[in-house]
């Protein structure tokens, strides 16, 4: 199976979100904690201790604003900057998937990664991540595939060669 394309900033952004996405159990805990924080904020502003001037009432909203800023402003900015710095991503790439591994070819050179080099993999709505270490992955955008059947065939090869998907949700 041969895949061709050029990595776009959207692919890098999708890969970042798939990479940081927690397992389903941690996501459920995170949602419950967020609900608890919202309840605590409502209680501090409208509950027994109504005081708009108390600095303690602004700690939780400040933390949420900081997290929202990171998620919606800082991370996308960092990914766009990283993409502009990575000149190797701005060239066409050709990947050949075989039973031995994945061979990649671009203007910069060639590489062959045997399946044994990969530790795990994750799948998102628009990208596959094949991990070489906990923090380093090879990205395979789904738009590089000609048809849905090719995506399904790739998923089967990856599952057989690396093991089951380490994520339980698709983002």
Protein backbone atom coordinates (compact mmCIF):
# COMPACT_ATOMS: atom_id res chain seq x y z
CA UNK A 1 0.00 0.00 0.00
CA UNK A 2 1.46 3.36 -1.02
CA UNK A 3 0.47 6.65 0.61
CA UNK A 4 1.33 10.10 -0.70
CA UNK A 5 0.80 13.63 0.49
CA UNK A 6 2.17 16.64 2.29
CA UNK A 7 1.77 17.22 6.02
CA UNK A 8 -0.39 20.28 6.74
CA UNK A 9 -0.58 22.33 9.92
CA UNK A 10 -4.05 20.83 10.49
CA UNK A 11 -2.51 17.35 10.52
CA UNK A 12 0.00 18.45 13.14
CA UNK A 13 -2.79 20.02 15.23
CA UNK A 14 -4.89 16.83 15.02
CA UNK A 15 -1.86 14.76 15.98
CA UNK A 16 -1.24 16.97 19.01
CA UNK A 17 -4.80 16.51 20.27
CA UNK A 18 -4.71 12.74 19.71
CA UNK A 19 -1.35 12.60 21.51
CA UNK A 20 -2.56 14.45 24.64
CA UNK A 21 -6.00 12.83 24.70
CA UNK A 22 -6.46 10.89 27.95
CA UNK A 23 -7.74 7.36 28.21
CA UNK A 24 -11.51 7.14 28.63
CA UNK A 25 -11.27 6.52 32.40
CA UNK A 26 -9.14 9.63 32.93
CA UNK A 27 -11.45 11.68 30.70
CA UNK A 28 -14.44 10.68 32.85
CA UNK A 29 -12.55 11.65 36.02
CA UNK A 30 -11.61 14.97 34.39
CA UNK A 31 -15.22 15.73 33.49
CA UNK A 32 -16.34 14.93 37.03
CA UNK A 33 -13.63 17.20 38.45
CA UNK A 34 -14.66 19.99 36.09
CA UNK A 35 -18.25 19.62 37.29
CA UNK A 36 -17.05 19.82 40.89
CA UNK A 37 -15.07 22.99 40.10
CA UNK A 38 -18.11 24.61 38.47
CA UNK A 39 -20.24 23.67 41.48
CA UNK A 40 -17.61 25.11 43.86
CA UNK A 41 -17.46 28.34 41.84
CA UNK A 42 -21.25 28.70 41.89
CA UNK A 43 -21.28 28.05 45.63
CA UNK A 44 -18.58 30.64 46.32
CA UNK A 45 -20.31 33.34 44.25
CA UNK A 46 -23.96 32.61 44.96
CA UNK A 47 -23.91 30.38 48.05
CA UNK A 48 -23.46 30.98 51.73
CA UNK A 49 -20.47 33.33 51.40
CA UNK A 50 -21.56 35.81 48.76
CA UNK A 51 -18.72 38.21 48.24
CA UNK A 52 -17.60 39.46 44.84
CA UNK A 53 -14.52 41.09 46.37
CA UNK A 54 -13.14 38.03 48.18
CA UNK A 55 -9.95 37.01 46.29
CA UNK A 56 -10.62 33.34 47.06
CA UNK A 57 -13.71 33.51 44.86
CA UNK A 58 -11.53 34.34 41.86
CA UNK A 59 -9.00 31.51 42.17
CA UNK A 60 -11.09 28.82 40.44
CA UNK A 61 -12.26 31.11 37.61
CA UNK A 62 -8.63 32.21 37.16
CA UNK A 63 -7.46 28.61 36.91
CA UNK A 64 -10.20 27.81 34.37
CA UNK A 65 -9.33 30.92 32.33
CA UNK A 66 -5.66 29.91 32.37
CA UNK A 67 -6.50 26.37 31.19
CA UNK A 68 -8.83 27.69 28.47
CA UNK A 69 -6.10 30.08 27.30
CA UNK A 70 -3.65 27.20 27.07
CA UNK A 71 -6.03 24.92 25.20
CA UNK A 72 -7.50 27.44 22.76
CA UNK A 73 -4.65 29.94 22.26
CA UNK A 74 -1.25 28.70 23.41
CA UNK A 75 -1.30 25.10 22.10
CA UNK A 76 -2.54 26.05 18.60
CA UNK A 77 0.02 28.88 18.45
CA UNK A 78 2.80 26.51 19.51
CA UNK A 79 1.77 23.90 16.92
CA UNK A 80 1.62 26.50 14.10
CA UNK A 81 5.06 27.79 15.12
CA UNK A 82 6.49 24.27 15.25
CA UNK A 83 5.06 23.57 11.79
CA UNK A 84 6.65 26.69 10.34
CA UNK A 85 10.02 25.73 11.87
CA UNK A 86 9.91 22.12 10.60
CA UNK A 87 10.90 22.55 6.95
CA UNK A 88 10.93 18.76 6.47
CA UNK A 89 7.12 18.76 6.83
CA UNK A 90 6.69 21.15 3.89
CA UNK A 91 7.72 18.56 1.27
CA UNK A 92 5.74 15.77 -0.35
CA UNK A 93 6.06 12.42 1.40
CA UNK A 94 5.57 8.94 0.02
CA UNK A 95 5.06 6.01 2.41
CA UNK A 96 4.99 2.35 1.49
CA UNK A 97 3.37 0.05 4.05
CA UNK A 98 4.61 -3.54 3.93
CA UNK A 99 4.61 -6.54 6.21
CA UNK A 100 8.15 -5.56 7.24
CA UNK A 101 7.35 -1.95 8.23
CA UNK A 102 6.91 1.52 6.77
CA UNK A 103 9.31 2.94 4.20
CA UNK A 104 9.19 6.73 3.82
CA UNK A 105 10.61 8.80 0.99
CA UNK A 106 10.85 12.57 0.48
CA UNK A 107 13.21 15.15 -1.04
CA UNK A 108 15.20 15.02 2.21
CA UNK A 109 15.88 11.29 2.09
CA UNK A 110 14.56 7.80 2.73
CA UNK A 111 13.89 5.79 5.86
CA UNK A 112 12.62 2.34 6.76
CA UNK A 113 11.06 1.68 10.15
CA UNK A 114 10.42 -1.98 10.95
CA UNK A 115 7.24 -2.74 12.88
CA UNK A 116 9.37 -3.83 15.85
CA UNK A 117 10.49 -0.17 16.32
CA UNK A 118 6.94 0.91 17.17
CA UNK A 119 5.71 0.65 20.77
CA UNK A 120 2.04 1.56 20.38
CA UNK A 121 -0.38 3.46 18.18
CA UNK A 122 -3.41 5.73 18.48
CA UNK A 123 -6.09 6.68 16.01
CA UNK A 124 -7.99 9.94 15.71
CA UNK A 125 -10.64 11.14 13.28
CA UNK A 126 -8.06 12.36 10.79
CA UNK A 127 -4.71 10.88 11.78
CA UNK A 128 -2.89 7.76 12.95
CA UNK A 129 0.00 8.11 15.40
CA UNK A 130 2.62 5.35 15.45
CA UNK A 131 4.79 5.73 18.56
CA UNK A 132 8.55 5.16 18.57
CA UNK A 133 8.71 6.24 22.24
CA UNK A 134 6.23 7.70 24.73
CA UNK A 135 6.75 11.20 23.31
CA UNK A 136 7.87 10.57 19.72
CA UNK A 137 5.50 9.43 17.02
CA UNK A 138 5.20 9.08 13.28
CA UNK A 139 2.05 10.69 11.93
CA UNK A 140 0.02 9.17 9.09
CA UNK A 141 -2.82 11.49 8.00
CA UNK A 142 -5.93 9.66 6.85
CA UNK A 143 -6.24 11.99 3.87
CA UNK A 144 -3.15 10.26 2.41
CA UNK A 145 -5.33 7.17 1.77
CA UNK A 146 -7.23 6.79 -1.50
CA UNK A 147 -10.32 5.12 0.02
CA UNK A 148 -11.89 4.06 3.31
CA UNK A 149 -10.97 0.46 2.51
CA UNK A 150 -7.30 1.48 2.51
CA UNK A 151 -7.71 3.05 5.96
CA UNK A 152 -9.33 -0.14 7.23
CA UNK A 153 -6.55 -2.26 5.70
CA UNK A 154 -3.88 -0.01 7.28
CA UNK A 155 -5.60 -0.24 10.66
CA UNK A 156 -5.60 -4.04 10.38
CA UNK A 157 -1.90 -4.15 9.46
CA UNK A 158 -1.02 -1.82 12.34
CA UNK A 159 -3.16 -3.77 14.82
CA UNK A 160 -1.56 -7.04 13.72
CA UNK A 161 2.00 -5.63 13.68
CA UNK A 162 2.00 -3.38 16.77
CA UNK A 163 -0.94 -4.56 18.86
CA UNK A 164 -4.28 -3.10 19.94
CA UNK A 165 -4.93 0.66 19.80
CA UNK A 166 -3.85 2.29 23.09
CA UNK A 167 -6.68 4.83 22.93
CA UNK A 168 -10.29 3.96 23.51
CA UNK A 169 -11.93 7.02 21.99
CA UNK A 170 -11.59 8.72 18.64
CA UNK A 171 -10.85 12.45 18.69
